[in-house]
PDB file of all heavy atoms in Angstrom:
ATOM      1  N   PHE A   1      19.163  -4.922 -10.939  1.00  0.00           N
ATOM      2  CA  PHE A   1      19.589  -5.137  -9.615  1.00  0.00           C
ATOM      3  C   PHE A   1      18.946  -4.137  -8.650  1.00  0.00           C
ATOM      4  O   PHE A   1      18.552  -4.507  -7.495  1.00  0.00           O
ATOM      5  CB  PHE A   1      21.108  -5.000  -9.504  1.00  0.00           C
ATOM      6  CG  PHE A   1      21.648  -5.229  -8.131  1.00  0.00           C
ATOM      7  CD1 PHE A   1      21.762  -6.543  -7.575  1.00  0.00           C
ATOM      8  CD2 PHE A   1      21.971  -4.215  -7.341  1.00  0.00           C
ATOM      9  CE1 PHE A   1      22.232  -6.718  -6.324  1.00  0.00           C
ATOM     10  CE2 PHE A   1      22.479  -4.322  -6.009  1.00  0.00           C
ATOM     11  CZ  PHE A   1      22.592  -5.617  -5.473  1.00  0.00           C
ATOM     12  N   ASP A   2      18.781  -2.906  -9.083  1.00  0.00           N
ATOM     13  CA  ASP A   2      18.243  -1.859  -8.261  1.00  0.00           C
ATOM     14  C   ASP A   2      16.721  -2.027  -7.936  1.00  0.00           C
ATOM     15  O   ASP A   2      16.187  -1.248  -7.131  1.00  0.00           O
ATOM     16  CB  ASP A   2      18.445  -0.458  -8.931  1.00  0.00           C
ATOM     17  CG  ASP A   2      19.852  -0.001  -8.833  1.00  0.00           C
ATOM     18  OD1 ASP A   2      20.663  -0.583  -8.023  1.00  0.00           O
ATOM     19  OD2 ASP A   2      20.258   0.978  -9.569  1.00  0.00           O
ATOM     20  N   ASP A   3      16.080  -2.929  -8.637  1.00  0.00           N
ATOM     21  CA  ASP A   3      14.723  -3.204  -8.386  1.00  0.00           C
ATOM     22  C   ASP A   3      14.623  -4.042  -7.053  1.00  0.00           C
ATOM     23  O   ASP A   3      13.464  -4.327  -6.589  1.00  0.00           O
ATOM     24  CB  ASP A   3      14.020  -4.013  -9.491  1.00  0.00           C
ATOM     25  CG  ASP A   3      13.962  -3.091 -10.714  1.00  0.00           C
ATOM     26  OD1 ASP A   3      13.654  -1.864 -10.598  1.00  0.00           O
ATOM     27  OD2 ASP A   3      14.048  -3.581 -11.799  1.00  0.00           O
ATOM     28  N   THR A   4      15.695  -4.615  -6.531  1.00  0.00           N
ATOM     29  CA  THR A   4      15.651  -5.314  -5.317  1.00  0.00           C
ATOM     30  C   THR A   4      15.081  -4.538  -4.206  1.00  0.00           C
ATOM     31  O   THR A   4      15.611  -3.452  -3.863  1.00  0.00           O
ATOM     32  CB  THR A   4      17.063  -5.860  -4.922  1.00  0.00           C
ATOM     33  OG1 THR A   4      17.479  -6.802  -5.987  1.00  0.00           O
ATOM     34  CG2 THR A   4      17.094  -6.590  -3.614  1.00  0.00           C
ATOM     35  N   ALA A   5      14.090  -4.969  -3.559  1.00  0.00           N
ATOM     36  CA  ALA A   5      13.431  -4.143  -2.519  1.00  0.00           C
ATOM     37  C   ALA A   5      12.248  -5.018  -1.937  1.00  0.00           C
ATOM     38  O   ALA A   5      11.897  -6.070  -2.405  1.00  0.00           O
ATOM     39  CB  ALA A   5      12.833  -2.828  -3.106  1.00  0.00           C
ATOM     40  N   VAL A   6      11.719  -4.524  -0.857  1.00  0.00           N
ATOM     41  CA  VAL A   6      10.496  -5.028  -0.320  1.00  0.00           C
ATOM     42  C   VAL A   6       9.372  -4.246  -0.953  1.00  0.00           C
ATOM     43  O   VAL A   6       9.326  -3.027  -0.875  1.00  0.00           O
ATOM     44  CB  VAL A   6      10.403  -4.874   1.206  1.00  0.00           C
ATOM     45  CG1 VAL A   6       9.095  -5.429   1.759  1.00  0.00           C
ATOM     46  CG2 VAL A   6      11.540  -5.740   1.878  1.00  0.00           C
ATOM     47  N   TYR A   7       8.483  -4.901  -1.612  1.00  0.00           N
ATOM     48  CA  TYR A   7       7.363  -4.324  -2.283  1.00  0.00           C
ATOM     49  C   TYR A   7       6.125  -4.339  -1.431  1.00  0.00           C
ATOM     50  O   TYR A   7       5.760  -5.385  -0.942  1.00  0.00           O
ATOM     51  CB  TYR A   7       7.165  -4.953  -3.687  1.00  0.00           C
ATOM     52  CG  TYR A   7       8.158  -4.615  -4.666  1.00  0.00           C
ATOM     53  CD1 TYR A   7       9.408  -5.109  -4.527  1.00  0.00           C
ATOM     54  CD2 TYR A   7       7.805  -3.884  -5.771  1.00  0.00           C
ATOM     55  CE1 TYR A   7      10.409  -4.827  -5.484  1.00  0.00           C
ATOM     56  CE2 TYR A   7       8.738  -3.464  -6.752  1.00  0.00           C
ATOM     57  CZ  TYR A   7      10.060  -3.982  -6.579  1.00  0.00           C
ATOM     58  OH  TYR A   7      10.930  -3.648  -7.507  1.00  0.00           O
ATOM     59  N   TYR A   8       5.494  -3.150  -1.270  1.00  0.00           N
ATOM     60  CA  TYR A   8       4.356  -3.029  -0.356  1.00  0.00           C
ATOM     61  C   TYR A   8       3.129  -2.650  -1.194  1.00  0.00           C
ATOM     62  O   TYR A   8       3.097  -1.787  -2.034  1.00  0.00           O
ATOM     63  CB  TYR A   8       4.539  -1.989   0.706  1.00  0.00           C
ATOM     64  CG  TYR A   8       5.637  -2.250   1.655  1.00  0.00           C
ATOM     65  CD1 TYR A   8       6.982  -1.865   1.415  1.00  0.00           C
ATOM     66  CD2 TYR A   8       5.408  -3.023   2.892  1.00  0.00           C
ATOM     67  CE1 TYR A   8       7.961  -2.116   2.274  1.00  0.00           C
ATOM     68  CE2 TYR A   8       6.408  -3.260   3.696  1.00  0.00           C
ATOM     69  CZ  TYR A   8       7.699  -2.858   3.495  1.00  0.00           C
ATOM     70  OH  TYR A   8       8.717  -3.153   4.296  1.00  0.00           O
ATOM     71  N   CYS A   9       2.046  -3.395  -0.963  1.00  0.00           N
ATOM     72  CA  CYS A   9       0.700  -3.066  -1.559  1.00  0.00           C
ATOM     73  C   CYS A   9       0.114  -1.924  -0.771  1.00  0.00           C
ATOM     74  O   CYS A   9       0.160  -1.875   0.511  1.00  0.00           O
ATOM     75  CB  CYS A   9      -0.147  -4.300  -1.572  1.00  0.00           C
ATOM     76  SG  CYS A   9      -1.755  -4.062  -2.437  1.00  0.00           S
ATOM     77  N   TYR A  10      -0.559  -1.082  -1.497  1.00  0.00           N
ATOM     78  CA  TYR A  10      -1.252   0.139  -0.835  1.00  0.00           C
ATOM     79  C   TYR A  10      -2.659   0.194  -1.368  1.00  0.00           C
ATOM     80  O   TYR A  10      -2.837  -0.070  -2.569  1.00  0.00           O
ATOM     81  CB  TYR A  10      -0.451   1.368  -1.169  1.00  0.00           C
ATOM     82  CG  TYR A  10      -1.252   2.651  -0.887  1.00  0.00           C
ATOM     83  CD1 TYR A  10      -1.364   3.206   0.336  1.00  0.00           C
ATOM     84  CD2 TYR A  10      -1.876   3.293  -2.027  1.00  0.00           C
ATOM     85  CE1 TYR A  10      -2.079   4.321   0.517  1.00  0.00           C
ATOM     86  CE2 TYR A  10      -2.567   4.470  -1.790  1.00  0.00           C
ATOM     87  CZ  TYR A  10      -2.683   5.011  -0.502  1.00  0.00           C
ATOM     88  OH  TYR A  10      -3.393   6.143  -0.293  1.00  0.00           O
ATOM     89  N   ALA A  11      -3.515   0.667  -0.517  1.00  0.00           N
ATOM     90  CA  ALA A  11      -4.906   0.866  -0.948  1.00  0.00           C
ATOM     91  C   ALA A  11      -5.496   2.024  -0.117  1.00  0.00           C
ATOM     92  O   ALA A  11      -5.224   2.106   1.092  1.00  0.00           O
ATOM     93  CB  ALA A  11      -5.821  -0.348  -0.827  1.00  0.00           C
ATOM     94  N   ARG A  12      -6.278   2.882  -0.794  1.00  0.00           N
ATOM     95  CA  ARG A  12      -7.027   3.851  -0.036  1.00  0.00           C
ATOM     96  C   ARG A  12      -8.509   3.490  -0.166  1.00  0.00           C
ATOM     97  O   ARG A  12      -9.106   3.416  -1.297  1.00  0.00           O
ATOM     98  CB  ARG A  12      -6.794   5.271  -0.662  1.00  0.00           C
ATOM     99  CG  ARG A  12      -7.700   6.273  -0.055  1.00  0.00           C
ATOM    100  CD  ARG A  12      -7.216   7.736  -0.333  1.00  0.00           C
ATOM    101  NE  ARG A  12      -6.112   8.025   0.542  1.00  0.00           N
ATOM    102  CZ  ARG A  12      -5.503   9.205   0.580  1.00  0.00           C
ATOM    103  NH1 ARG A  12      -6.066  10.232  -0.108  1.00  0.00           N
ATOM    104  NH2 ARG A  12      -4.470   9.407   1.385  1.00  0.00           N
ATOM    105  N   ASP A  13      -9.171   3.405   0.980  1.00  0.00           N
ATOM    106  CA  ASP A  13     -10.587   3.035   1.009  1.00  0.00           C
ATOM    107  C   ASP A  13     -11.353   4.277   1.343  1.00  0.00           C
ATOM    108  O   ASP A  13     -11.112   4.934   2.415  1.00  0.00           O
ATOM    109  CB  ASP A  13     -10.831   1.903   2.063  1.00  0.00           C
ATOM    110  CG  ASP A  13     -12.230   1.280   1.888  1.00  0.00           C
ATOM    111  OD1 ASP A  13     -12.770   1.275   0.811  1.00  0.00           O
ATOM    112  OD2 ASP A  13     -12.720   0.869   2.968  1.00  0.00           O
ATOM    113  N   VAL A  14     -12.313   4.568   0.486  1.00  0.00           N
ATOM    114  CA  VAL A  14     -13.073   5.837   0.676  1.00  0.00           C
ATOM    115  C   VAL A  14     -14.442   5.457   1.129  1.00  0.00           C
ATOM    116  O   VAL A  14     -15.245   4.859   0.323  1.00  0.00           O
ATOM    117  CB  VAL A  14     -13.087   6.651  -0.574  1.00  0.00           C
ATOM    118  CG1 VAL A  14     -13.959   7.918  -0.384  1.00  0.00           C
ATOM    119  CG2 VAL A  14     -11.717   7.007  -0.929  1.00  0.00           C
ATOM    120  N   VAL A  15     -14.958   5.891   2.313  1.00  0.00           N
ATOM    121  CA  VAL A  15     -16.289   5.744   2.800  1.00  0.00           C
ATOM    122  C   VAL A  15     -17.192   6.764   2.241  1.00  0.00           C
ATOM    123  O   VAL A  15     -18.319   6.548   1.741  1.00  0.00           O
ATOM    124  CB  VAL A  15     -16.287   5.686   4.265  1.00  0.00           C
ATOM    125  CG1 VAL A  15     -17.691   5.503   4.862  1.00  0.00           C
ATOM    126  CG2 VAL A  15     -15.372   4.586   4.856  1.00  0.00           C
ATOM    127  N   ALA A  16     -16.656   8.055   2.280  1.00  0.00           N
ATOM    128  CA  ALA A  16     -17.284   9.219   1.737  1.00  0.00           C
ATOM    129  C   ALA A  16     -16.254  10.233   1.342  1.00  0.00           C
ATOM    130  O   ALA A  16     -15.093   9.980   1.588  1.00  0.00           O
ATOM    131  CB  ALA A  16     -18.351   9.829   2.728  1.00  0.00           C
ATOM    132  N   SER A  17     -16.642  11.208   0.789  1.00  0.00           N
ATOM    133  CA  SER A  17     -15.669  12.272   0.353  1.00  0.00           C
ATOM    134  C   SER A  17     -14.869  12.814   1.514  1.00  0.00           C
ATOM    135  O   SER A  17     -13.793  13.316   1.227  1.00  0.00           O
ATOM    136  CB  SER A  17     -16.338  13.412  -0.416  1.00  0.00           C
ATOM    137  OG  SER A  17     -17.282  14.029   0.378  1.00  0.00           O
ATOM    138  N   ILE A  18     -15.378  12.769   2.700  1.00  0.00           N
ATOM    139  CA  ILE A  18     -14.729  13.275   3.839  1.00  0.00           C
ATOM    140  C   ILE A  18     -14.008  12.159   4.643  1.00  0.00           C
ATOM    141  O   ILE A  18     -13.323  12.442   5.657  1.00  0.00           O
ATOM    142  CB  ILE A  18     -15.600  13.999   4.768  1.00  0.00           C
ATOM    143  CG1 ILE A  18     -16.747  13.042   5.284  1.00  0.00           C
ATOM    144  CG2 ILE A  18     -16.250  15.205   4.061  1.00  0.00           C
ATOM    145  CD1 ILE A  18     -17.591  13.648   6.307  1.00  0.00           C
ATOM    146  N   SER A  19     -14.110  10.937   4.235  1.00  0.00           N
ATOM    147  CA  SER A  19     -13.526   9.795   5.017  1.00  0.00           C
ATOM    148  C   SER A  19     -12.749   8.884   4.077  1.00  0.00           C
ATOM    149  O   SER A  19     -13.329   8.177   3.296  1.00  0.00           O
ATOM    150  CB  SER A  19     -14.565   9.008   5.703  1.00  0.00           C
ATOM    151  OG  SER A  19     -15.286   9.873   6.673  1.00  0.00           O
ATOM    152  N   GLY A  20     -11.409   8.881   4.195  1.00  0.00           N
ATOM    153  CA  GLY A  20     -10.558   8.040   3.475  1.00  0.00           C
ATOM    154  C   GLY A  20      -9.503   7.433   4.419  1.00  0.00           C
ATOM    155  O   GLY A  20      -8.955   8.059   5.243  1.00  0.00           O
ATOM    156  N   TYR A  21      -9.182   6.080   4.222  1.00  0.00           N
ATOM    157  CA  TYR A  21      -8.377   5.386   5.078  1.00  0.00           C
ATOM    158  C   TYR A  21      -7.344   4.719   4.204  1.00  0.00           C
ATOM    159  O   TYR A  21      -7.632   4.033   3.219  1.00  0.00           O
ATOM    160  CB  TYR A  21      -9.100   4.356   6.002  1.00  0.00           C
ATOM    161  CG  TYR A  21     -10.085   5.082   6.817  1.00  0.00           C
ATOM    162  CD1 TYR A  21     -11.440   5.194   6.423  1.00  0.00           C
ATOM    163  CD2 TYR A  21      -9.662   5.545   8.097  1.00  0.00           C
ATOM    164  CE1 TYR A  21     -12.339   5.829   7.314  1.00  0.00           C
ATOM    165  CE2 TYR A  21     -10.640   6.159   8.883  1.00  0.00           C
ATOM    166  CZ  TYR A  21     -11.897   6.304   8.521  1.00  0.00           C
ATOM    167  OH  TYR A  21     -12.859   6.942   9.363  1.00  0.00           O
ATOM    168  N   ASP A  22      -6.037   4.761   4.640  1.00  0.00           N
ATOM    169  CA  ASP A  22      -4.927   4.098   3.976  1.00  0.00           C
ATOM    170  C   ASP A  22      -4.606   2.800   4.572  1.00  0.00           C
ATOM    171  O   ASP A  22      -4.509   2.691   5.811  1.00  0.00           O
ATOM    172  CB  ASP A  22      -3.755   5.060   3.972  1.00  0.00           C
ATOM    173  CG  ASP A  22      -3.990   6.361   3.211  1.00  0.00           C
ATOM    174  OD1 ASP A  22      -4.791   6.303   2.282  1.00  0.00           O
ATOM    175  OD2 ASP A  22      -3.249   7.340   3.423  1.00  0.00           O
ATOM    176  N   TYR A  23      -4.327   1.822   3.721  1.00  0.00           N
ATOM    177  CA  TYR A  23      -3.929   0.488   4.255  1.00  0.00           C
ATOM    178  C   TYR A  23      -2.662   0.055   3.488  1.00  0.00           C
ATOM    179  O   TYR A  23      -2.490   0.330   2.314  1.00  0.00           O
ATOM    180  CB  TYR A  23      -5.077  -0.476   3.974  1.00  0.00           C
ATOM    181  CG  TYR A  23      -6.326  -0.184   4.792  1.00  0.00           C
ATOM    182  CD1 TYR A  23      -7.292   0.635   4.241  1.00  0.00           C
ATOM    183  CD2 TYR A  23      -6.447  -0.568   6.104  1.00  0.00           C
ATOM    184  CE1 TYR A  23      -8.402   0.953   4.975  1.00  0.00           C
ATOM    185  CE2 TYR A  23      -7.556  -0.280   6.751  1.00  0.00           C
ATOM    186  CZ  TYR A  23      -8.650   0.481   6.288  1.00  0.00           C
ATOM    187  OH  TYR A  23      -9.726   0.719   7.042  1.00  0.00           O
ATOM    188  N   TRP A  24      -1.880  -0.752   4.179  1.00  0.00           N
ATOM    189  CA  TRP A  24      -0.611  -1.260   3.640  1.00  0.00           C
ATOM    190  C   TRP A  24      -0.565  -2.801   3.870  1.00  0.00           C
ATOM    191  O   TRP A  24      -1.016  -3.294   4.905  1.00  0.00           O
ATOM    192  CB  TRP A  24       0.580  -0.621   4.327  1.00  0.00           C
ATOM    193  CG  TRP A  24       0.688   0.832   4.064  1.00  0.00           C
ATOM    194  CD1 TRP A  24       0.148   1.827   4.756  1.00  0.00           C
ATOM    195  CD2 TRP A  24       1.424   1.412   2.970  1.00  0.00           C
ATOM    196  NE1 TRP A  24       0.460   3.042   4.176  1.00  0.00           N
ATOM    197  CE2 TRP A  24       1.309   2.802   3.040  1.00  0.00           C
ATOM    198  CE3 TRP A  24       2.174   0.953   1.919  1.00  0.00           C
ATOM    199  CZ2 TRP A  24       1.859   3.695   2.192  1.00  0.00           C
ATOM    200  CZ3 TRP A  24       2.800   1.734   1.029  1.00  0.00           C
ATOM    201  CH2 TRP A  24       2.586   3.173   1.147  1.00  0.00           C
ATOM    202  N   GLY A  25       0.010  -3.543   2.897  1.00  0.00           N
ATOM    203  CA  GLY A  25       0.317  -4.904   3.116  1.00  0.00           C
ATOM    204  C   GLY A  25       1.560  -5.062   3.904  1.00  0.00           C
ATOM    205  O   GLY A  25       2.218  -4.127   4.202  1.00  0.00           O
ATOM    206  N   GLN A  26       1.912  -6.363   4.266  1.00  0.00           N
ATOM    207  CA  GLN A  26       3.023  -6.662   4.988  1.00  0.00           C
ATOM    208  C   GLN A  26       4.339  -6.559   4.167  1.00  0.00           C
ATOM    209  O   GLN A  26       5.390  -6.406   4.801  1.00  0.00           O
ATOM    210  CB  GLN A  26       3.004  -8.128   5.622  1.00  0.00           C
ATOM    211  CG  GLN A  26       1.912  -8.258   6.648  1.00  0.00           C
ATOM    212  CD  GLN A  26       2.178  -7.370   7.941  1.00  0.00           C
ATOM    213  OE1 GLN A  26       3.303  -7.341   8.398  1.00  0.00           O
ATOM    214  NE2 GLN A  26       1.144  -6.680   8.457  1.00  0.00           N
ATOM    215  N   GLY A  27       4.189  -6.539   2.956  1.00  0.00           N
ATOM    216  CA  GLY A  27       5.393  -6.453   2.066  1.00  0.00           C
ATOM    217  C   GLY A  27       5.864  -7.839   1.525  1.00  0.00           C
ATOM    218  O   GLY A  27       5.699  -8.888   2.252  1.00  0.00           O
ATOM    219  N   THR A  28       6.340  -7.894   0.330  1.00  0.00           N
ATOM    220  CA  THR A  28       6.916  -9.138  -0.189  1.00  0.00           C
ATOM    221  C   THR A  28       8.304  -8.799  -0.751  1.00  0.00           C
ATOM    222  O   THR A  28       8.510  -7.769  -1.479  1.00  0.00           O
ATOM    223  CB  THR A  28       6.018  -9.688  -1.261  1.00  0.00           C
ATOM    224  OG1 THR A  28       6.539 -10.932  -1.852  1.00  0.00           O
ATOM    225  CG2 THR A  28       5.769  -8.706  -2.476  1.00  0.00           C
ATOM    226  N   GLN A  29       9.255  -9.679  -0.498  1.00  0.00           N
ATOM    227  CA  GLN A  29      10.706  -9.431  -0.866  1.00  0.00           C
ATOM    228  C   GLN A  29      10.841  -9.787  -2.363  1.00  0.00           C
ATOM    229  O   GLN A  29      10.451 -10.917  -2.753  1.00  0.00           O
ATOM    230  CB  GLN A  29      11.619 -10.267  -0.014  1.00  0.00           C
ATOM    231  CG  GLN A  29      13.084 -10.099  -0.502  1.00  0.00           C
ATOM    232  CD  GLN A  29      13.691  -8.762  -0.136  1.00  0.00           C
ATOM    233  OE1 GLN A  29      13.535  -8.218   0.984  1.00  0.00           O
ATOM    234  NE2 GLN A  29      14.355  -8.154  -1.101  1.00  0.00           N
ATOM    235  N   VAL A  30      11.403  -8.841  -3.087  1.00  0.00           N
ATOM    236  CA  VAL A  30      11.838  -9.093  -4.536  1.00  0.00           C
ATOM    237  C   VAL A  30      13.324  -9.003  -4.582  1.00  0.00           C
ATOM    238  O   VAL A  30      13.805  -7.919  -4.228  1.00  0.00           O
ATOM    239  CB  VAL A  30      11.143  -8.248  -5.507  1.00  0.00           C
ATOM    240  CG1 VAL A  30      11.721  -8.425  -6.903  1.00  0.00           C
ATOM    241  CG2 VAL A  30       9.608  -8.506  -5.516  1.00  0.00           C
TER     242      VAL A  30
END
């Protein structure tokens, strides 16, 4: 039951060692 939550996907995109960007999905209800 405690697994009930909105689950969000995450990704870090690395252009170079000095440039990293974080991205998030809209979320999906479980």
